[in-house]
Amino acid sequence: MKVLVPVKRVVDYNVKIRVKPDNSGVDLNNVKMSVNPFCEIAIEEAVSLKEAGTASEVVAVAVGGSSCQEQLRTCLALGADRAVLIETDVEVQPLGVAKVLKALQDKEDAELVIFGKQSIDADNSQTGQMFAALTGMSQGTFASELSIADGKAQVVREVDGGLQTVSISLPAVVTTDLRLNEPRYASLPNIMKAKKKPLDVMTPDELGVDVTPTVEVLSVEPPAEREAGIKVESVEELVDKLKNEAKVIQ
């Protein structure tokens, strides 16, 4: 079973985001970039499936500029067998990414495609679902547990009311939640080995896909600064302030 894992290059989660002075976007100058944390969970799950003998090959894929090769090499160091970069300088949006991945899936014919449930920059949580719709593949989103057997995937989903277990037929799309696993660290020997693993580069044009953005970002603003809170000595004082100062209760 081949497993395809799309990954995204994002600002490292430890970095404090700065907005550009003209509010046109996030300032990426001299900022550490990493594999999106949810995508790391997806890679870990795919590699674990291979180690268990369920999967035969793990292919990592990214859509973006040439700098994405750094994150793909990280995925190779974590255990992926090969990588594919769909190189473009266009800031590709979820639908464009889903179309590109659909064209790649037509070539790769993977039985399982594992996405991170969302990226920590745009927080759209759309690409996996759009990809499933375009390919007609069954999907299990927000997975906290995954098992494969008898041509089916059993997915335990995290939903508002608790947990939901679904059984879906392969080929299938799964998007990962935080509690699915804990990603491993890349060892130095594996980082060195990753340099020799295959990394293919192609373009959206070669796949026959138009990735022109359909949504325009008008402005990006940092969160408004909040005033410091206060401490109260008793419930009675809290109720008094909510009633007479904040006037949120009667």
Protein backbone atom coordinates (compact mmCIF):
# COMPACT_ATOMS: atom_id res chain seq x y z
CA MET A 1 0.00 0.00 0.00
CA LYS A 2 1.37 3.38 -1.03
CA VAL A 3 0.76 6.31 1.32
CA LEU A 4 0.89 9.89 0.06
CA VAL A 5 1.47 12.63 2.64
CA PRO A 6 1.06 16.29 1.62
CA VAL A 7 3.07 18.65 3.85
CA LYS A 8 3.26 22.43 4.18
CA ARG A 9 6.10 24.83 4.96
CA VAL A 10 4.99 27.21 7.72
CA VAL A 11 6.47 29.62 10.23
CA ASP A 12 7.78 27.60 13.17
CA TYR A 13 5.24 27.43 15.98
CA ASN A 14 7.76 28.88 18.47
CA VAL A 15 8.14 32.09 16.46
CA LYS A 16 6.17 35.19 17.41
CA ILE A 17 4.45 36.41 14.25
CA ARG A 18 5.07 39.94 12.99
CA VAL A 19 2.72 41.69 10.59
CA LYS A 20 4.20 43.78 7.79
CA PRO A 21 3.96 47.57 8.28
CA ASP A 22 1.62 47.88 5.27
CA ASN A 23 -0.68 45.11 6.64
CA SER A 24 -0.28 43.12 3.42
CA GLY A 25 0.72 39.92 5.20
CA VAL A 26 3.09 38.29 7.68
CA ASP A 27 6.75 39.32 7.72
CA LEU A 28 8.79 36.23 6.79
CA ASN A 29 12.22 37.85 6.67
CA ASN A 30 14.77 35.91 8.75
CA VAL A 31 12.01 33.78 10.25
CA LYS A 32 12.52 30.09 11.06
CA MET A 33 10.32 27.85 8.88
CA SER A 34 9.31 24.28 9.70
CA VAL A 35 7.04 21.44 8.67
CA ASN A 36 3.48 22.20 9.74
CA PRO A 37 2.98 20.34 13.09
CA PHE A 38 -0.15 18.53 11.91
CA CYS A 39 1.74 17.41 8.78
CA GLU A 40 4.48 16.01 11.04
CA ILE A 41 1.80 13.90 12.70
CA ALA A 42 0.68 12.71 9.24
CA ILE A 43 4.25 11.72 8.32
CA GLU A 44 4.68 9.89 11.63
CA GLU A 45 1.47 7.93 11.07
CA ALA A 46 2.48 6.97 7.53
CA VAL A 47 5.96 5.86 8.64
CA SER A 48 4.45 3.88 11.53
CA LEU A 49 2.16 2.10 9.06
CA LYS A 50 5.19 1.18 6.98
CA GLU A 51 7.11 -0.05 10.02
CA ALA A 52 4.12 -2.21 10.94
CA GLY A 53 4.16 -3.77 7.46
CA THR A 54 0.82 -2.21 6.47
CA ALA A 55 2.30 0.31 4.02
CA SER A 56 4.99 -0.38 1.43
CA GLU A 57 5.98 3.17 0.47
CA VAL A 58 5.61 6.66 1.95
CA VAL A 59 5.73 9.63 -0.42
CA ALA A 60 5.89 13.19 0.94
CA VAL A 61 4.70 16.00 -1.32
CA ALA A 62 4.75 19.79 -0.99
CA VAL A 63 3.34 22.58 -3.13
CA GLY A 64 5.29 25.84 -3.04
CA GLY A 65 8.63 27.47 -3.74
CA SER A 66 12.02 25.79 -4.00
CA SER A 67 12.60 26.47 -0.29
CA CYS A 68 10.05 23.72 0.48
CA GLN A 69 12.81 21.22 -0.33
CA GLU A 70 14.13 21.84 3.20
CA GLN A 71 10.90 20.59 4.76
CA LEU A 72 10.69 17.66 2.35
CA ARG A 73 14.21 16.60 3.35
CA THR A 74 13.02 16.70 6.96
CA CYS A 75 10.17 14.35 6.03
CA LEU A 76 12.68 12.03 4.32
CA ALA A 77 14.78 12.07 7.48
CA LEU A 78 11.69 11.13 9.49
CA GLY A 79 11.20 8.04 7.36
CA ALA A 80 9.50 8.93 4.07
CA ASP A 81 10.92 6.97 1.10
CA ARG A 82 10.82 9.74 -1.48
CA ALA A 83 9.49 13.23 -1.98
CA VAL A 84 7.85 15.33 -4.68
CA LEU A 85 7.91 19.12 -4.88
CA ILE A 86 5.29 20.83 -7.04
CA GLU A 87 7.26 24.03 -7.47
CA THR A 88 5.52 27.35 -7.97
CA ASP A 89 6.09 30.93 -6.84
CA VAL A 90 2.34 31.53 -6.67
CA GLU A 91 0.89 31.66 -3.15
CA VAL A 92 -1.29 28.62 -3.70
CA GLN A 93 -4.61 28.49 -1.85
CA PRO A 94 -6.40 25.35 -0.58
CA LEU A 95 -8.42 24.67 -3.74
CA GLY A 96 -5.34 25.10 -5.92
CA VAL A 97 -3.35 22.74 -3.69
CA ALA A 98 -6.17 20.18 -3.78
CA LYS A 99 -6.28 20.32 -7.61
CA VAL A 100 -2.51 19.87 -7.88
CA LEU A 101 -2.57 16.95 -5.45
CA LYS A 102 -5.46 15.39 -7.36
CA ALA A 103 -3.37 15.51 -10.55
CA LEU A 104 -0.45 13.94 -8.70
CA GLN A 105 -2.70 11.28 -7.17
CA ASP A 106 -3.79 10.33 -10.70
CA LYS A 107 -0.14 9.47 -11.35
CA GLU A 108 0.79 7.97 -7.98
CA ASP A 109 -2.45 6.05 -7.35
CA ALA A 110 -1.89 5.96 -3.58
CA GLU A 111 -4.33 3.89 -1.53
CA LEU A 112 -4.11 6.20 1.46
CA VAL A 113 -3.54 9.97 1.56
CA ILE A 114 -2.86 11.44 5.00
CA PHE A 115 -3.15 15.20 5.53
CA GLY A 116 -2.62 17.30 8.60
CA LYS A 117 -6.08 18.53 9.56
CA GLN A 118 -5.02 22.18 9.11
CA SER A 119 -1.99 24.42 8.79
CA ILE A 120 -1.04 26.68 11.69
CA ASP A 121 -0.67 29.73 9.45
CA ALA A 122 -3.92 30.00 7.49
CA ASP A 123 -5.94 27.60 9.71
CA ASN A 124 -8.32 26.84 6.82
CA SER A 125 -8.78 23.09 7.40
CA GLN A 126 -9.99 22.75 3.80
CA THR A 127 -7.40 21.04 1.60
CA GLY A 128 -7.96 17.45 2.69
CA GLN A 129 -11.72 17.70 2.31
CA MET A 130 -11.44 19.43 -1.09
CA PHE A 131 -9.00 16.78 -2.28
CA ALA A 132 -11.38 14.01 -1.20
CA ALA A 133 -14.23 15.68 -3.08
CA LEU A 134 -12.16 16.10 -6.26
CA THR A 135 -10.92 12.50 -6.23
CA GLY A 136 -14.15 10.88 -5.01
CA MET A 137 -12.21 9.13 -2.25
CA SER A 138 -13.79 8.33 1.11
CA GLN A 139 -12.56 10.46 3.99
CA GLY A 140 -12.10 10.38 7.75
CA THR A 141 -11.23 13.76 9.22
CA PHE A 142 -9.78 14.84 12.60
CA ALA A 143 -8.43 11.35 13.29
CA SER A 144 -7.18 10.48 16.78
CA GLU A 145 -6.83 6.76 15.96
CA LEU A 146 -6.28 4.96 12.65
CA SER A 147 -6.15 1.26 11.77
CA ILE A 148 -6.05 -0.46 8.38
CA ALA A 149 -7.42 -3.96 7.71
CA ASP A 150 -9.24 -5.88 4.98
CA GLY A 151 -9.29 -3.00 2.50
CA LYS A 152 -10.82 -0.59 4.99
CA ALA A 153 -9.60 2.14 7.32
CA GLN A 154 -11.15 2.52 10.75
CA VAL A 155 -10.90 6.11 11.95
CA VAL A 156 -11.71 7.41 15.42
CA ARG A 157 -12.68 11.05 14.91
CA GLU A 158 -12.59 13.85 17.45
CA VAL A 159 -15.93 15.66 17.32
CA ASP A 160 -17.58 18.26 19.55
CA GLY A 161 -19.56 15.64 21.47
CA GLY A 162 -16.63 13.26 22.03
CA LEU A 163 -15.39 10.52 19.70
CA GLN A 164 -16.93 9.06 16.56
CA THR A 165 -15.69 5.84 14.94
CA VAL A 166 -16.15 5.40 11.19
CA SER A 167 -15.13 2.66 8.75
CA ILE A 168 -14.18 3.86 5.27
CA SER A 169 -13.17 1.96 2.15
CA LEU A 170 -9.74 2.32 0.58
CA PRO A 171 -8.54 4.34 -1.25
CA ALA A 172 -9.19 6.93 1.42
CA VAL A 173 -8.23 10.34 2.75
CA VAL A 174 -7.46 10.86 6.44
CA THR A 175 -6.73 14.14 8.20
CA THR A 176 -4.83 13.99 11.48
CA ASP A 177 -5.67 15.48 14.85
CA LEU A 178 -3.19 16.19 17.64
CA ARG A 179 -3.76 13.01 19.63
CA LEU A 180 -3.13 10.58 16.77
CA ASN A 181 0.55 10.16 17.68
CA GLU A 182 3.70 11.94 18.85
CA PRO A 183 6.12 12.64 15.98
CA ARG A 184 9.65 11.32 16.32
CA TYR A 185 12.80 13.41 16.04
CA ALA A 186 15.05 12.97 13.03
CA SER A 187 18.36 11.37 14.01
CA LEU A 188 21.64 12.61 12.54
CA PRO A 189 22.23 9.39 10.55
CA ASN A 190 18.74 9.63 9.06
CA ILE A 191 19.28 13.30 8.20
CA MET A 192 22.42 12.29 6.29
CA LYS A 193 20.59 9.43 4.55
CA ALA A 194 17.78 11.80 3.56
CA LYS A 195 20.19 13.75 1.36
CA LYS A 196 20.47 10.72 -0.93
CA LYS A 197 16.77 9.87 -1.12
CA PRO A 198 14.96 10.89 -4.33
CA LEU A 199 13.24 14.28 -4.45
CA ASP A 200 11.46 14.95 -7.74
CA VAL A 201 10.51 18.46 -8.83
CA MET A 202 7.69 19.32 -11.21
CA THR A 203 5.40 22.28 -11.84
CA PRO A 204 1.62 22.76 -11.82
CA ASP A 205 1.81 23.40 -15.60
CA GLU A 206 3.35 19.96 -16.10
CA LEU A 207 0.37 18.52 -14.25
CA GLY A 208 -2.04 20.65 -16.28
CA VAL A 209 -3.34 22.57 -13.27
CA ASP A 210 -4.03 26.30 -12.94
CA VAL A 211 -3.19 27.47 -9.41
CA THR A 212 -4.14 31.14 -9.84
CA PRO A 213 -5.53 32.34 -6.46
CA THR A 214 -9.29 32.89 -6.31
CA VAL A 215 -9.31 34.68 -2.94
CA GLU A 216 -7.63 38.04 -2.33
CA VAL A 217 -6.28 38.93 1.12
CA LEU A 218 -7.21 42.55 1.73
CA SER A 219 -5.32 43.10 4.98
CA VAL A 220 -3.65 41.32 7.86
CA GLU A 221 -3.72 42.83 11.34
CA PRO A 222 -2.31 41.69 14.69
CA PRO A 223 -4.79 41.00 17.50
CA ALA A 224 -5.91 44.08 19.39
CA GLU A 225 -4.08 44.58 22.65
CA ARG A 226 -6.15 43.71 25.71
CA GLU A 227 -6.19 45.60 28.97
CA ALA A 228 -4.86 43.80 32.01
CA GLY A 229 -7.42 41.99 34.12
CA ILE A 230 -8.05 42.47 37.84
CA LYS A 231 -8.39 40.15 40.80
CA VAL A 232 -11.38 40.18 43.12
CA GLU A 233 -11.51 38.99 46.70
CA SER A 234 -14.91 37.30 46.66
CA VAL A 235 -17.75 36.07 44.50
CA GLU A 236 -19.87 38.93 45.79
CA GLU A 237 -17.32 41.49 44.55
CA LEU A 238 -17.19 39.73 41.15
CA VAL A 239 -20.97 39.83 40.81
CA ASP A 240 -21.01 43.50 41.83
CA LYS A 241 -18.43 44.44 39.18
CA LEU A 242 -20.18 42.42 36.46
CA LYS A 243 -23.46 44.09 37.34
CA ASN A 244 -22.45 47.69 38.03
CA GLU A 245 -19.20 48.21 36.08
CA ALA A 246 -19.25 45.80 33.14
CA LYS A 247 -23.07 45.82 33.07
CA VAL A 248 -23.17 42.33 31.55
CA ILE A 249 -25.66 40.96 34.08
CA GLN A 250 -28.76 42.43 35.67
